[in-house]
């Protein structure tokens, strides 16, 4: 009986247990937050992929040919002076 009373009043390991409980609660909170963040990130990537699917099915537009650039001088003369 005396040993039981002594063990119940002993507080030497109390702070270590308190720190362990706090760390466990922080861990549970982090797991929940990261799980929600991962779900939101996956949804964002899925929405982006769905939005890009119609663009992937359409053929690319044909490039338009631009006329070659002809150098001009003021006054309309294209001749190089000699």
N, C-alpha and C. Protein backbone atom coordinates (compact mmCIF):
# COMPACT_ATOMS: atom_id res chain seq x y z
N UNK A 1 0.82 -1.18 0.00
CA UNK A 1 0.00 0.00 0.00
C UNK A 1 0.87 1.26 0.00
N UNK A 2 1.96 1.20 0.73
CA UNK A 2 2.87 2.34 0.81
C UNK A 2 3.54 2.59 -0.54
N UNK A 3 3.86 1.54 -1.24
CA UNK A 3 4.51 1.67 -2.54
C UNK A 3 3.54 2.30 -3.54
N UNK A 4 2.28 1.94 -3.52
CA UNK A 4 1.28 2.51 -4.41
C UNK A 4 1.13 4.00 -4.18
N UNK A 5 1.08 4.42 -2.95
CA UNK A 5 0.98 5.86 -2.65
C UNK A 5 2.22 6.61 -3.14
N UNK A 6 3.36 5.98 -2.92
CA UNK A 6 4.60 6.61 -3.36
C UNK A 6 4.62 6.76 -4.89
N UNK A 7 4.17 5.75 -5.62
CA UNK A 7 4.15 5.81 -7.09
C UNK A 7 3.13 6.83 -7.60
N UNK A 8 1.99 6.96 -6.91
CA UNK A 8 0.98 7.92 -7.34
C UNK A 8 1.43 9.36 -7.13
N UNK A 9 2.26 9.61 -6.13
CA UNK A 9 2.73 10.96 -5.85
C UNK A 9 4.01 11.31 -6.61
N UNK A 10 4.64 10.32 -7.21
CA UNK A 10 5.90 10.55 -7.93
C UNK A 10 5.60 11.29 -9.24
N UNK A 11 6.24 12.44 -9.45
CA UNK A 11 6.01 13.26 -10.65
C UNK A 11 7.27 13.44 -11.47
N UNK A 12 8.20 12.54 -11.37
CA UNK A 12 9.47 12.72 -12.08
C UNK A 12 9.33 12.56 -13.59
N UNK A 13 8.47 11.73 -14.08
CA UNK A 13 8.33 11.53 -15.52
C UNK A 13 7.18 12.29 -16.14
N UNK A 14 6.54 13.16 -15.36
CA UNK A 14 5.35 13.86 -15.83
C UNK A 14 5.65 14.77 -17.01
N UNK A 15 6.72 15.53 -16.96
CA UNK A 15 7.00 16.47 -18.05
C UNK A 15 7.30 15.74 -19.35
N UNK A 16 7.98 14.61 -19.28
CA UNK A 16 8.26 13.84 -20.49
C UNK A 16 6.97 13.33 -21.12
N UNK A 17 6.06 12.88 -20.29
CA UNK A 17 4.78 12.39 -20.80
C UNK A 17 3.98 13.54 -21.41
N UNK A 18 4.01 14.70 -20.77
CA UNK A 18 3.29 15.86 -21.32
C UNK A 18 3.86 16.25 -22.68
N UNK A 19 5.18 16.26 -22.80
CA UNK A 19 5.79 16.58 -24.09
C UNK A 19 5.42 15.55 -25.16
N UNK A 20 5.35 14.29 -24.77
CA UNK A 20 4.97 13.25 -25.72
C UNK A 20 3.53 13.44 -26.20
N UNK A 21 2.64 13.81 -25.28
CA UNK A 21 1.24 14.04 -25.66
C UNK A 21 1.13 15.25 -26.59
N UNK A 22 1.87 16.31 -26.27
CA UNK A 22 1.84 17.51 -27.13
C UNK A 22 2.36 17.17 -28.53
N UNK A 23 3.46 16.43 -28.60
CA UNK A 23 4.01 16.06 -29.91
C UNK A 23 3.03 15.17 -30.69
N UNK A 24 2.34 14.28 -30.00
CA UNK A 24 1.35 13.43 -30.68
C UNK A 24 0.21 14.27 -31.23
N UNK A 25 -0.25 15.26 -30.47
CA UNK A 25 -1.33 16.13 -30.96
C UNK A 25 -0.87 16.96 -32.16
N UNK A 26 0.35 17.46 -32.10
CA UNK A 26 0.89 18.21 -33.25
C UNK A 26 0.99 17.30 -34.47
N UNK A 27 1.43 16.06 -34.26
CA UNK A 27 1.52 15.11 -35.37
C UNK A 27 0.17 14.82 -36.00
N UNK A 28 -0.84 14.63 -35.17
CA UNK A 28 -2.19 14.37 -35.69
C UNK A 28 -2.70 15.59 -36.48
N UNK A 29 -2.43 16.78 -35.95
CA UNK A 29 -2.83 18.00 -36.67
C UNK A 29 -2.13 18.13 -38.01
N UNK A 30 -0.83 17.83 -38.04
CA UNK A 30 -0.09 17.91 -39.31
C UNK A 30 -0.60 16.90 -40.32
N UNK A 31 -0.87 15.70 -39.89
CA UNK A 31 -1.38 14.68 -40.80
C UNK A 31 -2.72 15.13 -41.40
N UNK A 32 -3.59 15.67 -40.57
CA UNK A 32 -4.88 16.14 -41.08
C UNK A 32 -4.74 17.30 -42.04
N UNK A 33 -3.86 18.25 -41.72
CA UNK A 33 -3.67 19.41 -42.59
C UNK A 33 -3.04 19.01 -43.91
N UNK A 34 -2.02 18.16 -43.87
CA UNK A 34 -1.36 17.74 -45.11
C UNK A 34 -2.27 16.87 -45.96
N UNK A 35 -3.12 16.09 -45.33
CA UNK A 35 -4.08 15.28 -46.08
C UNK A 35 -5.05 16.18 -46.84
N UNK A 36 -5.56 17.21 -46.19
CA UNK A 36 -6.48 18.14 -46.85
C UNK A 36 -5.77 18.90 -47.95
N UNK A 37 -4.53 19.32 -47.70
CA UNK A 37 -3.76 20.04 -48.71
C UNK A 37 -3.49 19.15 -49.92
N UNK A 38 -3.17 17.90 -49.68
CA UNK A 38 -2.93 16.96 -50.78
C UNK A 38 -4.17 16.75 -51.62
N UNK A 39 -5.32 16.66 -50.98
CA UNK A 39 -6.57 16.49 -51.71
C UNK A 39 -6.87 17.71 -52.57
N UNK A 40 -6.68 18.90 -52.02
CA UNK A 40 -6.93 20.12 -52.79
C UNK A 40 -5.96 20.24 -53.96
N UNK A 41 -4.72 19.88 -53.74
CA UNK A 41 -3.73 19.94 -54.82
C UNK A 41 -4.10 18.95 -55.93
N UNK A 42 -4.49 17.76 -55.57
CA UNK A 42 -4.89 16.76 -56.57
C UNK A 42 -6.10 17.25 -57.35
N UNK A 43 -7.06 17.86 -56.66
CA UNK A 43 -8.23 18.40 -57.36
C UNK A 43 -7.84 19.50 -58.33
N UNK A 44 -6.91 20.34 -57.94
CA UNK A 44 -6.48 21.43 -58.83
C UNK A 44 -5.83 20.87 -60.09
N UNK A 45 -4.96 19.88 -59.94
CA UNK A 45 -4.31 19.28 -61.10
C UNK A 45 -5.33 18.56 -61.99
N UNK A 46 -6.30 17.91 -61.38
CA UNK A 46 -7.34 17.24 -62.17
C UNK A 46 -8.17 18.24 -62.95
N UNK A 47 -8.53 19.35 -62.32
CA UNK A 47 -9.29 20.38 -63.02
C UNK A 47 -8.50 20.98 -64.17
N UNK A 48 -7.21 21.18 -63.98
CA UNK A 48 -6.37 21.72 -65.05
C UNK A 48 -6.27 20.73 -66.20
N UNK A 49 -6.15 19.45 -65.89
CA UNK A 49 -6.06 18.44 -66.94
C UNK A 49 -7.36 18.36 -67.74
N UNK A 50 -8.49 18.44 -67.05
CA UNK A 50 -9.78 18.40 -67.74
C UNK A 50 -9.94 19.63 -68.64
N UNK A 51 -9.48 20.77 -68.16
CA UNK A 51 -9.60 22.00 -68.96
C UNK A 51 -8.71 21.95 -70.20
N UNK A 52 -7.60 21.24 -70.13
CA UNK A 52 -6.68 21.17 -71.27
C UNK A 52 -7.01 20.07 -72.26
N UNK A 53 -7.86 19.12 -71.90
CA UNK A 53 -8.18 18.02 -72.80
C UNK A 53 -8.77 18.46 -74.13
N UNK A 54 -9.75 19.38 -74.18
CA UNK A 54 -10.28 19.78 -75.49
C UNK A 54 -9.20 20.42 -76.37
N UNK A 55 -8.29 21.16 -75.80
CA UNK A 55 -7.24 21.79 -76.58
C UNK A 55 -6.30 20.75 -77.17
N UNK A 56 -6.11 19.62 -76.49
CA UNK A 56 -5.22 18.58 -76.99
C UNK A 56 -5.86 17.83 -78.15
N UNK A 57 -7.20 17.78 -78.21
CA UNK A 57 -7.88 17.06 -79.28
C UNK A 57 -7.95 17.87 -80.57
N UNK A 58 -7.86 19.18 -80.49
CA UNK A 58 -7.95 20.02 -81.68
C UNK A 58 -6.60 20.07 -82.38
N UNK A 59 -6.62 20.06 -83.72
CA UNK A 59 -5.34 20.18 -84.43
C UNK A 59 -4.78 21.59 -84.28
N UNK A 60 -3.50 21.69 -84.34
CA UNK A 60 -2.85 22.99 -84.23
C UNK A 60 -3.14 23.79 -85.50
N UNK A 61 -3.36 25.08 -85.38
CA UNK A 61 -3.61 25.88 -86.58
C UNK A 61 -2.37 25.93 -87.46
N UNK A 62 -2.61 25.97 -88.77
CA UNK A 62 -1.50 26.02 -89.72
C UNK A 62 -0.81 27.37 -89.61
N UNK A 63 0.50 27.38 -89.65
CA UNK A 63 1.19 28.67 -89.56
C UNK A 63 0.96 29.48 -90.84
N UNK A 64 0.79 30.75 -90.66
CA UNK A 64 0.58 31.61 -91.82
C UNK A 64 1.92 32.10 -92.33
N UNK A 65 2.07 32.08 -93.64
CA UNK A 65 3.33 32.52 -94.25
C UNK A 65 3.34 34.05 -94.30
N UNK A 66 4.39 34.62 -93.82
CA UNK A 66 4.53 36.07 -93.88
C UNK A 66 5.40 36.40 -95.09
N UNK A 67 5.07 37.46 -95.80
CA UNK A 67 5.89 37.82 -96.97
C UNK A 67 7.28 38.24 -96.52
N UNK A 68 8.28 37.98 -97.35
CA UNK A 68 9.63 38.38 -96.96
C UNK A 68 9.73 39.90 -96.84
N UNK A 69 10.53 40.36 -95.95
CA UNK A 69 10.70 41.79 -95.75
C UNK A 69 11.68 42.32 -96.78
N UNK A 70 11.27 43.38 -97.42
CA UNK A 70 12.11 44.02 -98.42
C UNK A 70 12.58 45.35 -97.83
N UNK A 71 13.89 45.55 -97.77
CA UNK A 71 14.36 46.81 -97.21
C UNK A 71 14.04 47.96 -98.16
N UNK A 72 13.57 49.03 -97.62
CA UNK A 72 13.27 50.21 -98.43
C UNK A 72 13.99 51.41 -97.86
N UNK A 73 14.31 52.32 -98.71
CA UNK A 73 14.95 53.56 -98.30
C UNK A 73 13.92 54.68 -98.42
N UNK A 74 14.13 55.73 -97.69
CA UNK A 74 13.20 56.86 -97.83
C UNK A 74 13.19 57.35 -99.27
N UNK A 75 12.05 57.65 -99.75
CA UNK A 75 11.92 58.11 -101.14
C UNK A 75 11.61 56.98 -102.08
N UNK A 76 11.57 55.75 -101.62
CA UNK A 76 11.17 54.62 -102.47
C UNK A 76 12.30 53.94 -103.20
N UNK A 77 13.52 54.46 -103.17
CA UNK A 77 14.61 53.82 -103.91
C UNK A 77 15.22 52.69 -103.10
N UNK A 78 15.35 51.52 -103.74
CA UNK A 78 15.94 50.39 -103.06
C UNK A 78 17.39 50.16 -103.49
N UNK A 79 17.92 51.01 -104.30
CA UNK A 79 19.28 50.82 -104.80
C UNK A 79 20.29 51.28 -103.76
N UNK A 80 21.36 50.55 -103.69
CA UNK A 80 22.43 50.89 -102.80
C UNK A 80 23.35 51.87 -103.54
N UNK A 81 23.67 53.01 -102.96
CA UNK A 81 24.53 53.96 -103.69
C UNK A 81 25.95 53.40 -103.83
N UNK A 82 26.58 53.75 -104.98
CA UNK A 82 27.94 53.26 -105.23
C UNK A 82 28.95 54.31 -105.00
